[in-house]
N, C-alpha and C. Protein backbone atom coordinates (compact mmCIF):
# COMPACT_ATOMS: atom_id res chain seq x y z
N UNK A 1 -44.16 38.26 15.58
CA UNK A 1 -43.48 37.25 16.35
C UNK A 1 -43.77 37.45 17.83
N UNK A 2 -43.72 38.69 18.27
CA UNK A 2 -43.99 38.96 19.68
C UNK A 2 -45.43 38.60 20.05
N UNK A 3 -46.35 38.89 19.16
CA UNK A 3 -47.76 38.55 19.42
C UNK A 3 -47.94 37.04 19.48
N UNK A 4 -47.29 36.32 18.59
CA UNK A 4 -47.39 34.85 18.58
C UNK A 4 -46.88 34.26 19.89
N UNK A 5 -45.82 34.82 20.42
CA UNK A 5 -45.18 34.27 21.62
C UNK A 5 -45.75 34.84 22.91
N UNK A 6 -46.83 35.59 22.83
CA UNK A 6 -47.37 36.20 24.05
C UNK A 6 -48.28 35.28 24.84
N UNK A 7 -48.46 34.06 24.39
CA UNK A 7 -49.28 33.09 25.13
C UNK A 7 -48.55 32.69 26.41
N UNK A 8 -49.30 32.44 27.47
CA UNK A 8 -48.73 32.17 28.79
C UNK A 8 -47.75 31.00 28.77
N UNK A 9 -48.08 29.94 28.07
CA UNK A 9 -47.22 28.75 28.05
C UNK A 9 -46.08 28.86 27.04
N UNK A 10 -46.07 29.93 26.24
CA UNK A 10 -45.06 30.10 25.21
C UNK A 10 -45.41 29.30 23.96
N UNK A 11 -44.61 29.45 22.93
CA UNK A 11 -44.86 28.75 21.67
C UNK A 11 -43.55 28.21 21.10
N UNK A 12 -43.68 27.27 20.20
CA UNK A 12 -42.51 26.68 19.55
C UNK A 12 -42.03 27.56 18.40
N UNK A 13 -40.82 27.28 17.94
CA UNK A 13 -40.28 27.99 16.78
C UNK A 13 -41.20 27.80 15.57
N UNK A 14 -41.68 26.59 15.39
CA UNK A 14 -42.53 26.29 14.24
C UNK A 14 -43.80 27.13 14.25
N UNK A 15 -44.42 27.28 15.41
CA UNK A 15 -45.64 28.08 15.53
C UNK A 15 -45.35 29.54 15.16
N UNK A 16 -44.26 30.08 15.68
CA UNK A 16 -43.89 31.46 15.35
C UNK A 16 -43.63 31.59 13.86
N UNK A 17 -42.91 30.63 13.29
CA UNK A 17 -42.55 30.68 11.88
C UNK A 17 -43.80 30.72 11.00
N UNK A 18 -44.76 29.85 11.27
CA UNK A 18 -45.96 29.81 10.45
C UNK A 18 -46.88 31.01 10.68
N UNK A 19 -47.05 31.43 11.93
CA UNK A 19 -47.91 32.58 12.20
C UNK A 19 -47.32 33.88 11.66
N UNK A 20 -46.00 33.94 11.55
CA UNK A 20 -45.33 35.16 11.07
C UNK A 20 -44.97 35.09 9.59
N UNK A 21 -45.26 33.97 8.95
CA UNK A 21 -44.96 33.78 7.52
C UNK A 21 -43.49 34.03 7.21
N UNK A 22 -42.63 33.36 7.96
CA UNK A 22 -41.19 33.51 7.79
C UNK A 22 -40.56 32.20 7.35
N UNK A 23 -39.44 32.31 6.66
CA UNK A 23 -38.64 31.12 6.37
C UNK A 23 -37.87 30.76 7.64
N UNK A 24 -37.30 29.57 7.65
CA UNK A 24 -36.53 29.17 8.83
C UNK A 24 -35.30 30.06 9.02
N UNK A 25 -34.66 30.44 7.93
CA UNK A 25 -33.49 31.33 8.01
C UNK A 25 -33.88 32.69 8.61
N UNK A 26 -35.00 33.24 8.15
CA UNK A 26 -35.47 34.52 8.70
C UNK A 26 -35.82 34.37 10.17
N UNK A 27 -36.50 33.28 10.52
CA UNK A 27 -36.90 33.03 11.90
C UNK A 27 -35.69 33.04 12.82
N UNK A 28 -34.63 32.33 12.44
CA UNK A 28 -33.43 32.27 13.28
C UNK A 28 -32.84 33.65 13.51
N UNK A 29 -32.77 34.45 12.46
CA UNK A 29 -32.21 35.80 12.59
C UNK A 29 -33.06 36.68 13.50
N UNK A 30 -34.38 36.65 13.28
CA UNK A 30 -35.27 37.49 14.08
C UNK A 30 -35.37 37.03 15.53
N UNK A 31 -35.36 35.72 15.76
CA UNK A 31 -35.36 35.23 17.14
C UNK A 31 -34.13 35.73 17.87
N UNK A 32 -32.97 35.62 17.23
CA UNK A 32 -31.72 36.08 17.85
C UNK A 32 -31.79 37.58 18.17
N UNK A 33 -32.31 38.36 17.25
CA UNK A 33 -32.43 39.81 17.44
C UNK A 33 -33.36 40.15 18.60
N UNK A 34 -34.52 39.49 18.65
CA UNK A 34 -35.49 39.77 19.71
C UNK A 34 -34.98 39.32 21.07
N UNK A 35 -34.29 38.20 21.12
CA UNK A 35 -33.72 37.73 22.39
C UNK A 35 -32.61 38.67 22.84
N UNK A 36 -31.75 39.06 21.91
CA UNK A 36 -30.64 39.98 22.21
C UNK A 36 -31.15 41.31 22.77
N UNK A 37 -32.31 41.76 22.28
CA UNK A 37 -32.87 43.03 22.73
C UNK A 37 -33.84 42.89 23.89
N UNK A 38 -33.94 41.69 24.44
CA UNK A 38 -34.73 41.48 25.66
C UNK A 38 -36.23 41.49 25.46
N UNK A 39 -36.70 41.26 24.24
CA UNK A 39 -38.13 41.26 23.98
C UNK A 39 -38.73 39.86 23.92
N UNK A 40 -37.87 38.87 23.82
CA UNK A 40 -38.30 37.49 23.73
C UNK A 40 -37.34 36.64 24.55
N UNK A 41 -37.87 35.58 25.16
CA UNK A 41 -37.01 34.67 25.92
C UNK A 41 -37.44 33.24 25.69
N UNK A 42 -36.52 32.34 25.92
CA UNK A 42 -36.80 30.91 25.79
C UNK A 42 -37.04 30.37 27.20
N UNK A 43 -38.16 29.69 27.42
CA UNK A 43 -38.46 29.19 28.76
C UNK A 43 -37.87 27.80 28.97
N UNK A 44 -38.10 27.22 30.13
CA UNK A 44 -37.53 25.92 30.48
C UNK A 44 -38.07 24.78 29.62
N UNK A 45 -39.24 24.97 29.02
CA UNK A 45 -39.84 23.96 28.16
C UNK A 45 -39.40 24.12 26.70
N UNK A 46 -38.36 24.94 26.49
CA UNK A 46 -37.82 25.18 25.14
C UNK A 46 -38.84 25.87 24.24
N UNK A 47 -39.68 26.68 24.84
CA UNK A 47 -40.66 27.47 24.09
C UNK A 47 -40.30 28.94 24.25
N UNK A 48 -40.79 29.74 23.33
CA UNK A 48 -40.49 31.17 23.35
C UNK A 48 -41.64 31.96 23.92
N UNK A 49 -41.31 32.95 24.74
CA UNK A 49 -42.31 33.81 25.37
C UNK A 49 -41.90 35.27 25.22
N UNK A 50 -42.90 36.11 25.04
CA UNK A 50 -42.67 37.54 24.98
C UNK A 50 -42.40 38.04 26.39
N UNK A 51 -41.37 38.85 26.55
CA UNK A 51 -41.03 39.41 27.86
C UNK A 51 -41.89 40.65 28.12
N UNK A 52 -41.75 41.20 29.32
CA UNK A 52 -42.47 42.42 29.65
C UNK A 52 -42.08 43.55 28.70
N UNK A 53 -40.81 43.62 28.36
CA UNK A 53 -40.34 44.64 27.40
C UNK A 53 -40.98 44.41 26.04
N UNK A 54 -41.12 43.16 25.63
CA UNK A 54 -41.76 42.83 24.36
C UNK A 54 -43.23 43.20 24.35
N UNK A 55 -43.90 42.98 25.47
CA UNK A 55 -45.32 43.34 25.58
C UNK A 55 -45.48 44.86 25.47
N UNK A 56 -44.59 45.60 26.10
CA UNK A 56 -44.62 47.07 25.99
C UNK A 56 -44.41 47.50 24.54
N UNK A 57 -43.50 46.83 23.84
CA UNK A 57 -43.25 47.13 22.43
C UNK A 57 -44.50 46.89 21.60
N UNK A 58 -45.19 45.79 21.84
CA UNK A 58 -46.45 45.51 21.13
C UNK A 58 -47.48 46.60 21.39
N UNK A 59 -47.56 47.06 22.63
CA UNK A 59 -48.50 48.12 22.99
C UNK A 59 -48.17 49.42 22.26
N UNK A 60 -46.91 49.79 22.24
CA UNK A 60 -46.47 51.01 21.55
C UNK A 60 -46.75 50.89 20.05
N UNK A 61 -46.43 49.73 19.50
CA UNK A 61 -46.68 49.49 18.07
C UNK A 61 -48.16 49.67 17.75
N UNK A 62 -49.03 49.12 18.58
CA UNK A 62 -50.47 49.23 18.34
C UNK A 62 -50.93 50.68 18.41
N UNK A 63 -50.41 51.43 19.37
CA UNK A 63 -50.77 52.85 19.50
C UNK A 63 -50.33 53.64 18.27
N UNK A 64 -49.12 53.41 17.81
CA UNK A 64 -48.63 54.10 16.62
C UNK A 64 -49.45 53.70 15.41
N UNK A 65 -49.73 52.43 15.28
CA UNK A 65 -50.54 51.94 14.17
C UNK A 65 -51.93 52.59 14.17
N UNK A 66 -52.51 52.74 15.35
CA UNK A 66 -53.82 53.38 15.45
C UNK A 66 -53.75 54.85 15.02
N UNK A 67 -52.64 55.52 15.33
CA UNK A 67 -52.49 56.94 14.98
C UNK A 67 -52.31 57.15 13.48
N UNK A 68 -51.62 56.25 12.82
CA UNK A 68 -51.31 56.45 11.42
C UNK A 68 -52.31 55.78 10.49
N UNK A 69 -53.16 54.94 11.03
CA UNK A 69 -54.17 54.28 10.19
C UNK A 69 -55.21 55.28 9.74
N UNK A 70 -55.58 55.16 8.48
CA UNK A 70 -56.58 56.04 7.91
C UNK A 70 -57.82 55.21 7.62
N UNK A 71 -58.93 55.69 8.11
CA UNK A 71 -60.19 54.98 7.84
C UNK A 71 -60.69 55.35 6.46
N UNK A 72 -61.15 54.35 5.73
CA UNK A 72 -61.70 54.56 4.39
C UNK A 72 -63.20 54.39 4.46
N UNK A 73 -63.92 55.32 3.85
CA UNK A 73 -65.39 55.23 3.83
C UNK A 73 -65.87 54.52 2.60
């Protein structure tokens, strides 16, 4: 969800829902959680954008994912 909303102009709920493969009920819950934790915000155009805190979370997630990923030959 954070990656979907990291576009400069922000994205709609529908775009996040489809890119994240979520139901509408799941989307509402996760949007509320991410906004409450300061990782996502709604802009003046009623679109969602990843905050600076959210971008940092994405970066940390990628670093952890890189550490735990195992390459298969």
